[in-house]
Amino acid sequence: MDWVTISALATAGGTLVLAIATFASVRSANRAARVAELSVLASLRPLLMPSRLDDVEQKVGFQNNDEWMRVAGGHGEVVVTERAVLLAISVRNQGAGMAVLHGWRLYSGGDQPDGPPPLDRLTRLTRDIYVAAGDIGFWQGTFRDPASDEYGAARRAIEARQDLYVDVLYGDLEGGQRTVTRFAMRPVRDDQWLVSAGRVWNIDRPAPR
């Protein structure tokens, strides 16, 4: 018997078995790490929806100290003056993590696109707005240049009592998982605006549909 050949074959077989076991172990570890990563992301993920009709009224302040409005649960509010158009929506974070609002875009009537807006077309918020998981908060936006097209379009739509649509961009506390929720503001009696959510788009993750 050629013991040298037998020894070499045995060594090669053992190495092959070890390589297979290592490969399987690495794949299993990668899957476990991916599952752990997804679990962490899920625990940080926000999801903004309209607040409930029985949620408490919120007082929303704007840049100028004399600009305030009260927003009831499930509603939005608008104020039109010769200097500005002020808007606010009462929202609820249905997700598991803190929501940080970044920007927005307003549409009136049937002008809203089928998909999310380009991020460079959004109006950036002048301050971060935080909405805790499972809690209520608000979105607010303004048009302060009466000569701008945006101010004119918003004012005409509000005075004509047209539906308004707001795409709100937000993400988690770590700056990731950016998401856009499209809110619809529909005028009802007594100058009230009821709010609903029509679509949600993931910016940093696969689409939910």
N, C-alpha and C. Protein backbone atom coordinates (compact mmCIF):
# COMPACT_ATOMS: atom_id res chain seq x y z
N MET A 1 0.84 -1.19 0.00
CA MET A 1 0.00 0.00 0.00
C MET A 1 0.89 1.26 0.00
N ASP A 2 0.48 2.25 -0.77
CA ASP A 2 1.23 3.50 -0.84
C ASP A 2 0.70 4.43 0.25
N TRP A 3 1.34 4.36 1.43
CA TRP A 3 0.85 5.15 2.56
C TRP A 3 0.99 6.65 2.33
N VAL A 4 1.93 7.05 1.55
CA VAL A 4 2.07 8.48 1.23
C VAL A 4 0.86 8.98 0.45
N THR A 5 0.44 8.18 -0.55
CA THR A 5 -0.73 8.56 -1.35
C THR A 5 -1.99 8.56 -0.50
N ILE A 6 -2.12 7.52 0.34
CA ILE A 6 -3.30 7.44 1.22
C ILE A 6 -3.34 8.63 2.16
N SER A 7 -2.21 8.99 2.71
CA SER A 7 -2.15 10.12 3.64
C SER A 7 -2.52 11.42 2.93
N ALA A 8 -2.03 11.60 1.70
CA ALA A 8 -2.34 12.82 0.95
C ALA A 8 -3.82 12.91 0.62
N LEU A 9 -4.41 11.75 0.23
CA LEU A 9 -5.84 11.75 -0.07
C LEU A 9 -6.67 12.03 1.18
N ALA A 10 -6.25 11.45 2.29
CA ALA A 10 -6.97 11.69 3.54
C ALA A 10 -6.91 13.16 3.94
N THR A 11 -5.71 13.72 3.78
CA THR A 11 -5.56 15.15 4.10
C THR A 11 -6.42 16.02 3.19
N ALA A 12 -6.44 15.69 1.89
CA ALA A 12 -7.25 16.45 0.94
C ALA A 12 -8.74 16.31 1.26
N GLY A 13 -9.15 15.09 1.62
CA GLY A 13 -10.56 14.89 1.97
C GLY A 13 -10.94 15.67 3.20
N GLY A 14 -10.05 15.66 4.21
CA GLY A 14 -10.34 16.43 5.42
C GLY A 14 -10.41 17.91 5.15
N THR A 15 -9.51 18.39 4.30
CA THR A 15 -9.52 19.82 3.94
C THR A 15 -10.80 20.19 3.22
N LEU A 16 -11.26 19.30 2.32
CA LEU A 16 -12.50 19.56 1.59
C LEU A 16 -13.69 19.62 2.53
N VAL A 17 -13.74 18.66 3.47
CA VAL A 17 -14.84 18.66 4.45
C VAL A 17 -14.80 19.93 5.29
N LEU A 18 -13.60 20.33 5.71
CA LEU A 18 -13.47 21.55 6.50
C LEU A 18 -13.90 22.78 5.71
N ALA A 19 -13.53 22.81 4.41
CA ALA A 19 -13.91 23.94 3.57
C ALA A 19 -15.43 24.03 3.41
N ILE A 20 -16.07 22.87 3.21
CA ILE A 20 -17.54 22.84 3.08
C ILE A 20 -18.20 23.31 4.37
N ALA A 21 -17.67 22.82 5.50
CA ALA A 21 -18.24 23.21 6.79
C ALA A 21 -18.06 24.71 7.03
N THR A 22 -16.87 25.22 6.65
CA THR A 22 -16.62 26.66 6.82
C THR A 22 -17.54 27.49 5.95
N PHE A 23 -17.73 27.06 4.70
CA PHE A 23 -18.62 27.77 3.78
C PHE A 23 -20.05 27.80 4.32
N ALA A 24 -20.52 26.64 4.81
CA ALA A 24 -21.87 26.58 5.36
C ALA A 24 -21.99 27.46 6.60
N SER A 25 -20.93 27.46 7.41
CA SER A 25 -20.96 28.27 8.62
C SER A 25 -20.99 29.76 8.30
N VAL A 26 -20.19 30.17 7.29
CA VAL A 26 -20.17 31.57 6.89
C VAL A 26 -21.52 32.00 6.34
N ARG A 27 -22.13 31.15 5.50
CA ARG A 27 -23.45 31.47 4.95
C ARG A 27 -24.47 31.60 6.06
N SER A 28 -24.42 30.70 7.02
CA SER A 28 -25.35 30.77 8.14
C SER A 28 -25.13 32.03 8.97
N ALA A 29 -23.86 32.37 9.19
CA ALA A 29 -23.54 33.59 9.94
C ALA A 29 -24.01 34.83 9.20
N ASN A 30 -23.84 34.83 7.86
CA ASN A 30 -24.30 35.97 7.07
C ASN A 30 -25.81 36.12 7.14
N ARG A 31 -26.52 35.00 7.07
CA ARG A 31 -27.98 35.05 7.18
C ARG A 31 -28.39 35.56 8.55
N ALA A 32 -27.71 35.08 9.59
CA ALA A 32 -28.04 35.53 10.95
C ALA A 32 -27.76 37.02 11.11
N ALA A 33 -26.63 37.48 10.53
CA ALA A 33 -26.31 38.91 10.60
C ALA A 33 -27.34 39.74 9.86
N ARG A 34 -27.79 39.24 8.69
CA ARG A 34 -28.79 39.96 7.91
C ARG A 34 -30.11 40.03 8.66
N VAL A 35 -30.50 38.92 9.28
CA VAL A 35 -31.73 38.92 10.07
C VAL A 35 -31.62 39.90 11.24
N ALA A 36 -30.44 39.91 11.90
CA ALA A 36 -30.23 40.84 13.00
C ALA A 36 -30.29 42.29 12.52
N GLU A 37 -29.70 42.54 11.34
CA GLU A 37 -29.73 43.89 10.78
C GLU A 37 -31.15 44.32 10.46
N LEU A 38 -31.93 43.43 9.86
CA LEU A 38 -33.32 43.74 9.53
C LEU A 38 -34.13 44.00 10.79
N SER A 39 -33.84 43.25 11.85
CA SER A 39 -34.55 43.44 13.12
C SER A 39 -34.25 44.81 13.71
N VAL A 40 -32.96 45.20 13.63
CA VAL A 40 -32.58 46.51 14.14
C VAL A 40 -33.25 47.62 13.33
N LEU A 41 -33.22 47.48 11.99
CA LEU A 41 -33.85 48.48 11.14
C LEU A 41 -35.34 48.58 11.41
N ALA A 42 -35.99 47.43 11.59
CA ALA A 42 -37.43 47.44 11.87
C ALA A 42 -37.73 48.16 13.18
N SER A 43 -36.84 48.03 14.15
CA SER A 43 -37.06 48.68 15.44
C SER A 43 -36.87 50.19 15.35
N LEU A 44 -36.19 50.66 14.28
CA LEU A 44 -35.96 52.10 14.08
C LEU A 44 -36.91 52.71 13.05
N ARG A 45 -37.70 51.88 12.37
CA ARG A 45 -38.45 52.34 11.20
C ARG A 45 -39.69 53.16 11.58
N PRO A 46 -39.81 54.38 11.06
CA PRO A 46 -41.02 55.18 11.29
C PRO A 46 -42.03 54.99 10.16
N LEU A 47 -43.27 55.33 10.41
CA LEU A 47 -44.30 55.32 9.38
C LEU A 47 -45.34 56.36 9.76
N LEU A 48 -45.39 57.44 9.01
CA LEU A 48 -46.32 58.53 9.32
C LEU A 48 -47.65 58.33 8.61
N MET A 49 -48.72 58.45 9.38
CA MET A 49 -50.09 58.38 8.90
C MET A 49 -50.86 59.55 9.53
N PRO A 50 -52.05 59.84 9.02
CA PRO A 50 -52.86 60.87 9.69
C PRO A 50 -53.18 60.45 11.11
N SER A 51 -53.26 61.41 12.00
CA SER A 51 -53.67 61.09 13.36
C SER A 51 -55.16 60.74 13.39
N ARG A 52 -55.60 60.20 14.51
CA ARG A 52 -57.00 59.80 14.63
C ARG A 52 -57.87 61.01 14.96
N LEU A 53 -59.14 60.90 14.65
CA LEU A 53 -60.06 62.00 14.91
C LEU A 53 -60.19 62.30 16.40
N ASP A 54 -59.96 61.28 17.26
CA ASP A 54 -60.07 61.51 18.69
C ASP A 54 -58.73 61.86 19.34
N ASP A 55 -57.68 62.05 18.55
CA ASP A 55 -56.41 62.51 19.11
C ASP A 55 -56.54 63.97 19.54
N VAL A 56 -55.70 64.35 20.49
CA VAL A 56 -55.81 65.69 21.07
C VAL A 56 -55.43 66.76 20.06
N GLU A 57 -55.97 67.92 20.24
CA GLU A 57 -55.64 69.08 19.42
C GLU A 57 -54.21 69.53 19.72
N GLN A 58 -53.52 69.98 18.68
CA GLN A 58 -52.14 70.43 18.85
C GLN A 58 -52.02 71.90 18.47
N LYS A 59 -51.17 72.60 19.22
CA LYS A 59 -50.88 74.00 18.93
C LYS A 59 -49.56 74.06 18.16
N VAL A 60 -49.61 74.63 16.96
CA VAL A 60 -48.45 74.65 16.08
C VAL A 60 -48.00 76.10 15.90
N GLY A 61 -46.73 76.34 16.18
CA GLY A 61 -46.17 77.67 16.00
C GLY A 61 -45.31 77.75 14.77
N PHE A 62 -45.26 78.93 14.14
CA PHE A 62 -44.46 79.14 12.94
C PHE A 62 -43.31 80.10 13.23
N GLN A 63 -42.62 80.48 12.20
CA GLN A 63 -41.39 81.25 12.35
C GLN A 63 -41.61 82.55 13.09
N ASN A 64 -42.65 83.26 12.71
CA ASN A 64 -42.97 84.51 13.40
C ASN A 64 -43.73 84.21 14.68
N ASN A 65 -43.45 84.96 15.71
CA ASN A 65 -44.06 84.70 17.01
C ASN A 65 -45.56 84.88 17.03
N ASP A 66 -46.10 85.65 16.06
CA ASP A 66 -47.54 85.90 16.06
C ASP A 66 -48.29 84.92 15.16
N GLU A 67 -47.62 83.88 14.66
CA GLU A 67 -48.25 82.91 13.78
C GLU A 67 -48.44 81.59 14.51
N TRP A 68 -49.70 81.30 14.84
CA TRP A 68 -50.05 80.07 15.55
C TRP A 68 -51.33 79.51 14.95
N MET A 69 -51.47 78.20 15.03
CA MET A 69 -52.74 77.59 14.65
C MET A 69 -52.96 76.34 15.50
N ARG A 70 -54.20 75.96 15.64
CA ARG A 70 -54.56 74.74 16.36
C ARG A 70 -55.04 73.70 15.35
N VAL A 71 -54.50 72.49 15.46
CA VAL A 71 -54.81 71.43 14.52
C VAL A 71 -55.45 70.26 15.27
N ALA A 72 -56.67 69.92 14.90
CA ALA A 72 -57.38 68.82 15.56
C ALA A 72 -56.91 67.49 15.01
N GLY A 73 -57.16 66.41 15.75
CA GLY A 73 -56.80 65.08 15.30
C GLY A 73 -57.46 64.73 13.99
N GLY A 74 -56.69 64.14 13.06
CA GLY A 74 -57.23 63.75 11.77
C GLY A 74 -57.48 64.89 10.82
N HIS A 75 -57.03 66.09 11.16
CA HIS A 75 -57.31 67.28 10.36
C HIS A 75 -56.02 68.00 9.96
N GLY A 76 -56.19 68.88 9.00
CA GLY A 76 -55.16 69.84 8.63
C GLY A 76 -55.72 71.24 8.79
N GLU A 77 -54.85 72.22 8.78
CA GLU A 77 -55.27 73.61 8.88
C GLU A 77 -54.51 74.44 7.85
N VAL A 78 -55.16 75.46 7.32
CA VAL A 78 -54.52 76.38 6.40
C VAL A 78 -54.88 77.81 6.81
N VAL A 79 -53.94 78.70 6.62
CA VAL A 79 -54.15 80.13 6.86
C VAL A 79 -53.55 80.88 5.68
N VAL A 80 -54.34 81.76 5.07
CA VAL A 80 -53.87 82.55 3.94
C VAL A 80 -53.89 84.02 4.34
N THR A 81 -52.75 84.67 4.21
CA THR A 81 -52.66 86.11 4.45
C THR A 81 -51.99 86.75 3.24
N GLU A 82 -51.89 88.06 3.25
CA GLU A 82 -51.21 88.76 2.17
C GLU A 82 -49.70 88.52 2.21
N ARG A 83 -49.20 88.00 3.32
CA ARG A 83 -47.75 87.79 3.45
C ARG A 83 -47.34 86.33 3.30
N ALA A 84 -48.26 85.39 3.59
CA ALA A 84 -47.84 83.99 3.62
C ALA A 84 -49.04 83.06 3.52
N VAL A 85 -48.74 81.83 3.11
CA VAL A 85 -49.68 80.71 3.21
C VAL A 85 -49.09 79.74 4.22
N LEU A 86 -49.85 79.44 5.27
CA LEU A 86 -49.41 78.56 6.34
C LEU A 86 -50.23 77.27 6.29
N LEU A 87 -49.55 76.13 6.42
CA LEU A 87 -50.23 74.85 6.39
C LEU A 87 -49.71 73.96 7.51
N ALA A 88 -50.58 73.10 8.02
CA ALA A 88 -50.17 72.14 9.05
C ALA A 88 -51.08 70.92 8.97
N ILE A 89 -50.54 69.76 9.33
CA ILE A 89 -51.28 68.51 9.36
C ILE A 89 -50.96 67.79 10.66
N SER A 90 -51.98 67.25 11.30
CA SER A 90 -51.80 66.42 12.49
C SER A 90 -51.48 65.00 12.04
N VAL A 91 -50.35 64.45 12.48
CA VAL A 91 -49.91 63.12 12.03
C VAL A 91 -49.69 62.22 13.24
N ARG A 92 -49.66 60.92 12.98
CA ARG A 92 -49.34 59.91 13.99
C ARG A 92 -48.28 58.98 13.43
N ASN A 93 -47.28 58.67 14.25
CA ASN A 93 -46.22 57.75 13.85
C ASN A 93 -46.63 56.33 14.21
N GLN A 94 -47.02 55.55 13.21
CA GLN A 94 -47.45 54.17 13.42
C GLN A 94 -46.28 53.20 13.41
N GLY A 95 -45.08 53.69 13.17
CA GLY A 95 -43.91 52.83 13.12
C GLY A 95 -43.32 52.57 14.49
N ALA A 96 -42.20 51.83 14.49
CA ALA A 96 -41.56 51.44 15.75
C ALA A 96 -40.47 52.41 16.18
N GLY A 97 -40.03 53.30 15.29
CA GLY A 97 -38.93 54.20 15.61
C GLY A 97 -39.30 55.66 15.45
N MET A 98 -38.47 56.53 16.00
CA MET A 98 -38.66 57.97 15.90
C MET A 98 -38.64 58.42 14.44
N ALA A 99 -39.57 59.30 14.08
CA ALA A 99 -39.60 59.88 12.74
C ALA A 99 -38.99 61.27 12.78
N VAL A 100 -38.10 61.55 11.83
CA VAL A 100 -37.50 62.86 11.68
C VAL A 100 -37.91 63.41 10.32
N LEU A 101 -38.69 64.49 10.32
CA LEU A 101 -39.20 65.07 9.07
C LEU A 101 -38.12 65.93 8.42
N HIS A 102 -37.98 65.78 7.09
CA HIS A 102 -36.92 66.48 6.36
C HIS A 102 -37.43 67.52 5.37
N GLY A 103 -38.45 67.17 4.58
CA GLY A 103 -38.89 68.08 3.53
C GLY A 103 -40.28 67.75 3.05
N TRP A 104 -40.76 68.52 2.07
CA TRP A 104 -42.14 68.34 1.61
C TRP A 104 -42.35 68.99 0.24
N ARG A 105 -43.47 68.63 -0.37
CA ARG A 105 -43.89 69.25 -1.63
C ARG A 105 -45.41 69.25 -1.68
N LEU A 106 -45.98 70.38 -2.09
CA LEU A 106 -47.43 70.55 -2.13
C LEU A 106 -47.93 70.50 -3.56
N TYR A 107 -49.08 69.81 -3.74
CA TYR A 107 -49.78 69.77 -5.02
C TYR A 107 -51.23 70.15 -4.76
N SER A 108 -51.87 70.69 -5.78
CA SER A 108 -53.28 71.04 -5.65
C SER A 108 -54.07 70.39 -6.77
N GLY A 109 -55.35 70.14 -6.51
CA GLY A 109 -56.21 69.54 -7.52
C GLY A 109 -55.72 68.18 -7.92
N GLY A 110 -55.62 67.94 -9.23
CA GLY A 110 -55.16 66.64 -9.73
C GLY A 110 -53.76 66.70 -10.29
N ASP A 111 -52.92 67.60 -9.79
CA ASP A 111 -51.58 67.80 -10.34
C ASP A 111 -50.53 66.86 -9.77
N GLN A 112 -50.88 66.06 -8.78
CA GLN A 112 -49.86 65.22 -8.14
C GLN A 112 -49.41 64.09 -9.06
N PRO A 113 -48.11 63.76 -9.08
CA PRO A 113 -47.60 62.68 -9.94
C PRO A 113 -47.93 61.32 -9.35
N ASP A 114 -47.71 60.27 -10.15
CA ASP A 114 -47.97 58.91 -9.68
C ASP A 114 -46.92 58.44 -8.69
N GLY A 115 -45.69 58.89 -8.84
CA GLY A 115 -44.61 58.44 -7.98
C GLY A 115 -44.16 59.52 -7.02
N PRO A 116 -43.14 59.22 -6.22
CA PRO A 116 -42.64 60.21 -5.27
C PRO A 116 -41.94 61.34 -6.00
N PRO A 117 -41.85 62.50 -5.39
CA PRO A 117 -41.19 63.63 -6.05
C PRO A 117 -39.68 63.45 -6.03
N PRO A 118 -38.97 64.02 -7.02
CA PRO A 118 -37.51 64.04 -6.93
C PRO A 118 -37.07 64.76 -5.65
N LEU A 119 -36.09 64.20 -4.98
CA LEU A 119 -35.70 64.76 -3.69
C LEU A 119 -35.18 66.19 -3.81
N ASP A 120 -34.61 66.53 -4.97
CA ASP A 120 -34.10 67.89 -5.12
C ASP A 120 -35.21 68.90 -5.41
N ARG A 121 -36.43 68.42 -5.56
CA ARG A 121 -37.57 69.33 -5.76
C ARG A 121 -38.35 69.57 -4.48
N LEU A 122 -37.92 68.96 -3.40
CA LEU A 122 -38.61 69.13 -2.12
C LEU A 122 -38.20 70.43 -1.45
N THR A 123 -39.11 70.99 -0.68
CA THR A 123 -38.80 72.13 0.17
C THR A 123 -38.27 71.61 1.49
N ARG A 124 -37.04 72.00 1.83
CA ARG A 124 -36.45 71.54 3.08
C ARG A 124 -37.08 72.29 4.26
N LEU A 125 -37.32 71.56 5.33
CA LEU A 125 -37.81 72.20 6.55
C LEU A 125 -36.70 73.04 7.15
N THR A 126 -37.06 74.17 7.72
CA THR A 126 -36.05 75.02 8.34
C THR A 126 -35.60 74.48 9.70
N ARG A 127 -36.32 73.50 10.22
CA ARG A 127 -35.92 72.83 11.46
C ARG A 127 -36.40 71.39 11.39
N ASP A 128 -35.69 70.51 12.11
CA ASP A 128 -36.13 69.12 12.17
C ASP A 128 -37.37 69.03 13.05
N ILE A 129 -38.34 68.23 12.60
CA ILE A 129 -39.54 67.95 13.39
C ILE A 129 -39.51 66.47 13.75
N TYR A 130 -39.64 66.17 15.03
CA TYR A 130 -39.56 64.79 15.51
C TYR A 130 -40.94 64.31 15.94
N VAL A 131 -41.26 63.07 15.57
CA VAL A 131 -42.51 62.45 16.01
C VAL A 131 -42.15 61.09 16.61
N ALA A 132 -42.40 60.93 17.91
CA ALA A 132 -42.02 59.71 18.60
C ALA A 132 -42.88 58.54 18.13
N ALA A 133 -42.33 57.33 18.25
CA ALA A 133 -43.05 56.12 17.85
C ALA A 133 -44.33 55.98 18.67
N GLY A 134 -45.44 55.72 17.97
CA GLY A 134 -46.71 55.53 18.63
C GLY A 134 -47.34 56.81 19.15
N ASP A 135 -46.78 57.95 18.80
CA ASP A 135 -47.28 59.23 19.33
C ASP A 135 -47.73 60.11 18.17
N ILE A 136 -48.34 61.24 18.51
CA ILE A 136 -48.79 62.19 17.51
C ILE A 136 -47.78 63.33 17.40
N GLY A 137 -47.84 64.00 16.27
CA GLY A 137 -47.00 65.16 16.01
C GLY A 137 -47.64 65.95 14.89
N PHE A 138 -46.83 66.70 14.17
CA PHE A 138 -47.40 67.52 13.11
C PHE A 138 -46.37 67.75 12.01
N TRP A 139 -46.87 68.05 10.82
CA TRP A 139 -46.07 68.60 9.74
C TRP A 139 -46.53 70.02 9.52
N GLN A 140 -45.60 70.92 9.19
CA GLN A 140 -45.96 72.29 8.88
C GLN A 140 -45.14 72.78 7.68
N GLY A 141 -45.73 73.67 6.91
CA GLY A 141 -45.05 74.25 5.77
C GLY A 141 -45.59 75.63 5.48
N THR A 142 -44.79 76.44 4.79
CA THR A 142 -45.19 77.82 4.49
C THR A 142 -44.72 78.23 3.10
N PHE A 143 -45.44 79.17 2.52
CA PHE A 143 -44.99 79.91 1.35
C PHE A 143 -44.98 81.38 1.76
N ARG A 144 -43.81 82.00 1.73
CA ARG A 144 -43.68 83.36 2.29
C ARG A 144 -43.37 84.42 1.24
N ASP A 145 -43.34 84.03 -0.01
CA ASP A 145 -43.09 85.03 -1.07
C ASP A 145 -44.36 85.19 -1.89
N PRO A 146 -45.13 86.26 -1.64
CA PRO A 146 -46.39 86.44 -2.38
C PRO A 146 -46.21 86.54 -3.89
N ALA A 147 -45.01 86.83 -4.35
CA ALA A 147 -44.77 86.94 -5.79
C ALA A 147 -44.41 85.60 -6.43
N SER A 148 -44.24 84.57 -5.63
CA SER A 148 -43.81 83.27 -6.17
C SER A 148 -44.99 82.50 -6.76
N ASP A 149 -44.68 81.63 -7.70
CA ASP A 149 -45.70 80.78 -8.31
C ASP A 149 -46.31 79.84 -7.27
N GLU A 150 -45.47 79.34 -6.36
CA GLU A 150 -45.95 78.40 -5.34
C GLU A 150 -46.98 79.06 -4.42
N TYR A 151 -46.70 80.27 -4.00
CA TYR A 151 -47.66 81.00 -3.16
C TYR A 151 -48.97 81.21 -3.91
N GLY A 152 -48.88 81.66 -5.16
CA GLY A 152 -50.08 81.93 -5.93
C GLY A 152 -50.91 80.68 -6.16
N ALA A 153 -50.25 79.56 -6.51
CA ALA A 153 -50.99 78.32 -6.76
C ALA A 153 -51.65 77.81 -5.48
N ALA A 154 -50.92 77.86 -4.37
CA ALA A 154 -51.49 77.39 -3.11
C ALA A 154 -52.67 78.27 -2.69
N ARG A 155 -52.53 79.57 -2.81
CA ARG A 155 -53.62 80.46 -2.41
C ARG A 155 -54.85 80.24 -3.27
N ARG A 156 -54.67 80.11 -4.58
CA ARG A 156 -55.83 79.90 -5.45
C ARG A 156 -56.53 78.58 -5.13
N ALA A 157 -55.75 77.53 -4.88
CA ALA A 157 -56.35 76.23 -4.57
C ALA A 157 -57.11 76.27 -3.25
N ILE A 158 -56.55 76.94 -2.26
CA ILE A 158 -57.21 77.02 -0.95
C ILE A 158 -58.49 77.83 -1.05
N GLU A 159 -58.42 78.97 -1.71
CA GLU A 159 -59.61 79.83 -1.83
C GLU A 159 -60.68 79.18 -2.70
N ALA A 160 -60.29 78.31 -3.63
CA ALA A 160 -61.26 77.59 -4.46
C ALA A 160 -61.72 76.30 -3.79
N ARG A 161 -61.19 76.02 -2.61
CA ARG A 161 -61.57 74.82 -1.84
C ARG A 161 -61.26 73.55 -2.63
N GLN A 162 -60.09 73.51 -3.23
CA GLN A 162 -59.65 72.31 -3.93
C GLN A 162 -58.91 71.37 -2.97
N ASP A 163 -58.85 70.10 -3.36
CA ASP A 163 -58.05 69.16 -2.58
C ASP A 163 -56.58 69.54 -2.65
N LEU A 164 -55.88 69.34 -1.53
CA LEU A 164 -54.44 69.58 -1.46
C LEU A 164 -53.74 68.26 -1.17
N TYR A 165 -52.58 68.08 -1.75
CA TYR A 165 -51.78 66.87 -1.52
C TYR A 165 -50.37 67.29 -1.09
N VAL A 166 -49.89 66.65 -0.04
CA VAL A 166 -48.57 66.98 0.50
C VAL A 166 -47.73 65.71 0.58
N ASP A 167 -46.60 65.71 -0.12
CA ASP A 167 -45.62 64.63 0.02
C ASP A 167 -44.64 65.04 1.12
N VAL A 168 -44.56 64.23 2.16
CA VAL A 168 -43.68 64.52 3.30
C VAL A 168 -42.56 63.49 3.34
N LEU A 169 -41.32 63.97 3.31
CA LEU A 169 -40.14 63.11 3.39
C LEU A 169 -39.67 63.05 4.83
N TYR A 170 -39.43 61.83 5.32
CA TYR A 170 -38.93 61.66 6.69
C TYR A 170 -38.06 60.41 6.74
N GLY A 171 -37.34 60.25 7.83
CA GLY A 171 -36.48 59.09 8.00
C GLY A 171 -36.37 58.72 9.46
N ASP A 172 -35.50 57.72 9.75
CA ASP A 172 -35.33 57.32 11.14
C ASP A 172 -34.32 58.23 11.83
N LEU A 173 -34.08 57.96 13.11
CA LEU A 173 -33.23 58.83 13.92
C LEU A 173 -31.77 58.76 13.48
N GLU A 174 -31.39 57.68 12.77
CA GLU A 174 -30.02 57.53 12.30
C GLU A 174 -29.80 58.16 10.93
N GLY A 175 -30.84 58.74 10.35
CA GLY A 175 -30.71 59.38 9.05
C GLY A 175 -30.98 58.46 7.88
N GLY A 176 -31.41 57.24 8.12
CA GLY A 176 -31.68 56.29 7.06
C GLY A 176 -33.16 55.99 6.92
N GLN A 177 -33.46 54.96 6.10
CA GLN A 177 -34.83 54.49 5.88
C GLN A 177 -35.77 55.62 5.49
N ARG A 178 -35.29 56.48 4.57
CA ARG A 178 -36.11 57.61 4.16
C ARG A 178 -37.39 57.14 3.46
N THR A 179 -38.46 57.80 3.79
CA THR A 179 -39.79 57.41 3.31
C THR A 179 -40.58 58.66 2.96
N VAL A 180 -41.46 58.53 1.98
CA VAL A 180 -42.37 59.61 1.63
C VAL A 180 -43.80 59.13 1.81
N THR A 181 -44.58 59.85 2.58
CA THR A 181 -46.02 59.61 2.70
C THR A 181 -46.75 60.75 2.01
N ARG A 182 -47.70 60.40 1.15
CA ARG A 182 -48.52 61.43 0.51
C ARG A 182 -49.82 61.60 1.30
N PHE A 183 -50.00 62.79 1.83
CA PHE A 183 -51.21 63.13 2.58
C PHE A 183 -52.16 63.92 1.68
N ALA A 184 -53.44 63.62 1.81
CA ALA A 184 -54.47 64.37 1.09
C ALA A 184 -55.26 65.21 2.10
N MET A 185 -55.43 66.48 1.79
CA MET A 185 -56.24 67.38 2.62
C MET A 185 -57.48 67.75 1.82
N ARG A 186 -58.64 67.32 2.34
CA ARG A 186 -59.89 67.56 1.63
C ARG A 186 -60.78 68.51 2.42
N PRO A 187 -61.24 69.58 1.77
CA PRO A 187 -62.07 70.55 2.49
C PRO A 187 -63.46 69.99 2.79
N VAL A 188 -63.91 70.24 3.99
CA VAL A 188 -65.26 69.85 4.40
C VAL A 188 -65.94 71.08 5.00
N ARG A 189 -67.06 70.89 5.65
CA ARG A 189 -67.84 72.02 6.15
C ARG A 189 -67.08 72.80 7.22
N ASP A 190 -67.50 74.03 7.42
CA ASP A 190 -66.96 74.89 8.47
C ASP A 190 -65.46 75.12 8.34
N ASP A 191 -64.98 75.18 7.07
CA ASP A 191 -63.57 75.46 6.82
C ASP A 191 -62.63 74.43 7.43
N GLN A 192 -63.09 73.20 7.59
CA GLN A 192 -62.22 72.15 8.08
C GLN A 192 -61.61 71.39 6.91
N TRP A 193 -60.44 70.80 7.19
CA TRP A 193 -59.74 70.00 6.19
C TRP A 193 -59.44 68.63 6.79
N LEU A 194 -60.11 67.60 6.27
CA LEU A 194 -59.85 66.23 6.72
C LEU A 194 -58.63 65.68 5.99
N VAL A 195 -57.85 64.87 6.69
CA VAL A 195 -56.59 64.37 6.16
C VAL A 195 -56.64 62.85 6.02
N SER A 196 -56.14 62.34 4.91
CA SER A 196 -55.97 60.90 4.70
C SER A 196 -54.60 60.68 4.08
N ALA A 197 -54.15 59.42 4.06
CA ALA A 197 -52.88 59.06 3.44
C ALA A 197 -53.17 58.20 2.22
N GLY A 198 -52.61 58.59 1.08
CA GLY A 198 -52.90 57.87 -0.15
C GLY A 198 -51.83 56.86 -0.52
N ARG A 199 -50.56 57.24 -0.47
CA ARG A 199 -49.47 56.38 -0.88
C ARG A 199 -48.27 56.54 0.05
N VAL A 200 -47.45 55.48 0.09
CA VAL A 200 -46.18 55.51 0.84
C VAL A 200 -45.10 54.94 -0.08
N TRP A 201 -43.97 55.64 -0.16
CA TRP A 201 -42.84 55.17 -0.97
C TRP A 201 -41.59 55.07 -0.10
N ASN A 202 -40.86 53.99 -0.26
CA ASN A 202 -39.55 53.84 0.37
C ASN A 202 -38.48 54.40 -0.55
N ILE A 203 -37.64 55.27 -0.03
CA ILE A 203 -36.58 55.86 -0.83
C ILE A 203 -35.31 55.01 -0.76
N ASP A 204 -34.98 54.51 0.41
CA ASP A 204 -33.73 53.75 0.60
C ASP A 204 -33.94 52.24 0.64
N ARG A 205 -35.16 51.77 0.48
CA ARG A 205 -35.46 50.34 0.54
C ARG A 205 -36.35 49.96 -0.64
N PRO A 206 -36.53 48.67 -0.90
CA PRO A 206 -37.45 48.27 -1.97
C PRO A 206 -38.86 48.78 -1.70
N ALA A 207 -39.61 48.99 -2.77
CA ALA A 207 -40.98 49.48 -2.65
C ALA A 207 -41.84 48.45 -1.90
N PRO A 208 -42.83 48.91 -1.14
CA PRO A 208 -43.67 47.98 -0.38
C PRO A 208 -44.67 47.23 -1.24
N ARG A 209 -44.72 47.52 -2.55
CA ARG A 209 -45.70 46.84 -3.41
C ARG A 209 -45.05 46.43 -4.72
